[in-house]
Amino acid sequence: MSYVYVYVCNLSTIMEYCNMKFDKSQVKDAQPVRLTVLPYMEKRDMFIDECVVLADEWRSSHASFIGSKSKRQLRKELKGYISARSDLKSGSLIWTIVAKIVLTWVVEWIINNYIIKSNS
């Protein structure tokens, strides 16, 4: 037996959610120590800003579908969206590794602190 879950949101809730912006400074302030010791500090901070802007774009285009997806699906979609549109692989191999670590953390943080909390 399979179950289908339907989430009902009114239009004003969806519009309010679409107009909400992620806070870049809040994301940067929440960086764990393991990110702050990585090389390329300035480039890393610019990449975090880029990830936050792209996450805003993703959320505004996917707002009506977010409540019907699992946390894992949301992480996968958001990470794919940012990876396809970001400056992830410009530079050295070390920068690519740093960028992937930062991207994984930013996506996880946004999903846990914005998406999941706002749906609760």
Protein backbone atom coordinates (compact mmCIF):
# COMPACT_ATOMS: atom_id res chain seq x y z
CA MET A 1 0.00 0.00 0.00
CA SER A 2 1.38 3.40 -0.87
CA TYR A 3 0.46 6.74 0.59
CA VAL A 4 0.21 10.07 -1.14
CA TYR A 5 0.73 13.15 0.95
CA VAL A 6 -0.80 16.39 -0.21
CA TYR A 7 0.33 19.67 1.26
CA VAL A 8 -2.14 22.49 0.96
CA CYS A 9 -0.83 26.03 1.15
CA ASN A 10 -2.71 29.17 0.51
CA LEU A 11 -1.38 31.55 -2.13
CA SER A 12 -0.36 34.23 0.37
CA THR A 13 1.89 31.75 2.21
CA ILE A 14 3.60 30.75 -1.03
CA MET A 15 4.06 34.38 -2.10
CA GLU A 16 5.47 35.35 1.31
CA TYR A 17 7.86 32.42 1.12
CA CYS A 18 8.97 33.38 -2.40
CA ASN A 19 9.66 36.99 -1.38
CA MET A 20 11.74 36.04 1.67
CA LYS A 21 15.49 36.34 1.03
CA PHE A 22 18.28 34.32 2.58
CA ASP A 23 20.63 36.43 4.70
CA LYS A 24 24.25 36.22 3.44
CA SER A 25 25.74 37.54 6.66
CA GLN A 26 23.79 35.02 8.73
CA VAL A 27 25.11 32.18 6.56
CA LYS A 28 28.69 33.48 6.83
CA ASP A 29 28.43 33.95 10.60
CA ALA A 30 27.32 30.34 10.98
CA GLN A 31 30.41 28.93 9.25
CA PRO A 32 31.94 26.12 11.26
CA VAL A 33 35.65 26.33 12.13
CA ARG A 34 36.47 23.72 9.52
CA LEU A 35 35.41 26.18 6.81
CA THR A 36 37.16 29.21 8.24
CA VAL A 37 40.56 27.51 8.14
CA LEU A 38 40.29 26.56 4.47
CA PRO A 39 42.45 28.47 1.97
CA TYR A 40 41.12 31.09 -0.47
CA MET A 41 39.30 33.11 2.21
CA GLU A 42 38.18 35.97 -0.05
CA LYS A 43 37.15 33.69 -2.92
CA ARG A 44 35.37 31.41 -0.43
CA ASP A 45 33.34 34.32 0.96
CA MET A 46 32.40 35.44 -2.56
CA PHE A 47 31.38 31.86 -3.37
CA ILE A 48 29.16 31.72 -0.27
CA ASP A 49 27.46 34.93 -1.47
CA GLU A 50 26.98 33.38 -4.90
CA CYS A 51 25.53 30.21 -3.37
CA VAL A 52 23.06 32.23 -1.28
CA VAL A 53 21.91 34.24 -4.33
CA LEU A 54 21.46 31.06 -6.38
CA ALA A 55 19.61 29.40 -3.48
CA ASP A 56 17.22 32.38 -3.48
CA GLU A 57 16.63 31.92 -7.21
CA TRP A 58 16.05 28.20 -6.74
CA ARG A 59 13.61 28.73 -3.89
CA SER A 60 11.59 31.35 -5.73
CA SER A 61 11.16 29.02 -8.70
CA HIS A 62 10.43 25.91 -6.59
CA ALA A 63 8.45 27.36 -3.66
CA SER A 64 5.23 25.52 -4.38
CA PHE A 65 6.99 22.13 -4.54
CA ILE A 66 9.24 22.37 -1.48
CA GLY A 67 6.72 21.04 1.04
CA SER A 68 6.15 17.86 -0.94
CA LYS A 69 9.81 16.76 -1.04
CA SER A 70 12.07 15.06 1.46
CA LYS A 71 15.04 16.81 3.00
CA ARG A 72 17.37 14.63 0.91
CA GLN A 73 15.59 15.51 -2.33
CA LEU A 74 15.71 19.22 -1.49
CA ARG A 75 19.45 19.02 -0.75
CA LYS A 76 20.12 17.16 -3.98
CA GLU A 77 18.08 19.58 -6.10
CA LEU A 78 19.50 22.71 -4.50
CA LYS A 79 23.07 21.45 -4.75
CA GLY A 80 22.55 20.53 -8.41
CA TYR A 81 21.00 23.91 -9.16
CA ILE A 82 23.90 25.81 -7.59
CA SER A 83 26.56 23.53 -9.13
CA ALA A 84 25.18 24.04 -12.61
CA ARG A 85 25.15 27.84 -12.30
CA SER A 86 28.15 28.62 -10.11
CA ASP A 87 31.84 29.25 -10.48
CA LEU A 88 32.63 25.89 -8.92
CA LYS A 89 35.42 24.65 -11.16
CA SER A 90 37.24 27.81 -12.14
CA GLY A 91 40.69 27.63 -10.69
CA SER A 92 42.94 25.02 -9.23
CA LEU A 93 42.09 21.55 -8.01
CA ILE A 94 42.44 22.79 -4.43
CA TRP A 95 39.86 25.55 -5.08
CA THR A 96 37.46 22.99 -6.58
CA ILE A 97 37.78 20.83 -3.45
CA VAL A 98 37.29 23.86 -1.17
CA ALA A 99 34.27 25.01 -3.22
CA LYS A 100 32.63 21.58 -3.00
CA ILE A 101 33.10 21.52 0.78
CA VAL A 102 31.64 25.02 1.08
CA LEU A 103 28.74 24.19 -1.27
CA THR A 104 27.82 21.08 0.70
CA TRP A 105 27.83 23.02 3.95
CA VAL A 106 25.86 26.01 2.58
CA VAL A 107 23.16 23.77 1.09
CA GLU A 108 22.84 21.77 4.30
CA TRP A 109 22.67 24.95 6.40
CA ILE A 110 20.04 26.59 4.19
CA ILE A 111 17.86 23.47 4.09
CA ASN A 112 18.05 23.03 7.89
CA ASN A 113 17.72 26.68 8.92
CA TYR A 114 15.39 28.16 6.33
CA ILE A 115 13.47 25.50 4.39
CA ILE A 116 12.77 22.93 7.09
CA LYS A 117 12.13 25.51 9.87
CA SER A 118 9.76 27.54 7.70
CA ASN A 119 7.75 24.41 6.83
CA SER A 120 7.47 23.35 10.49
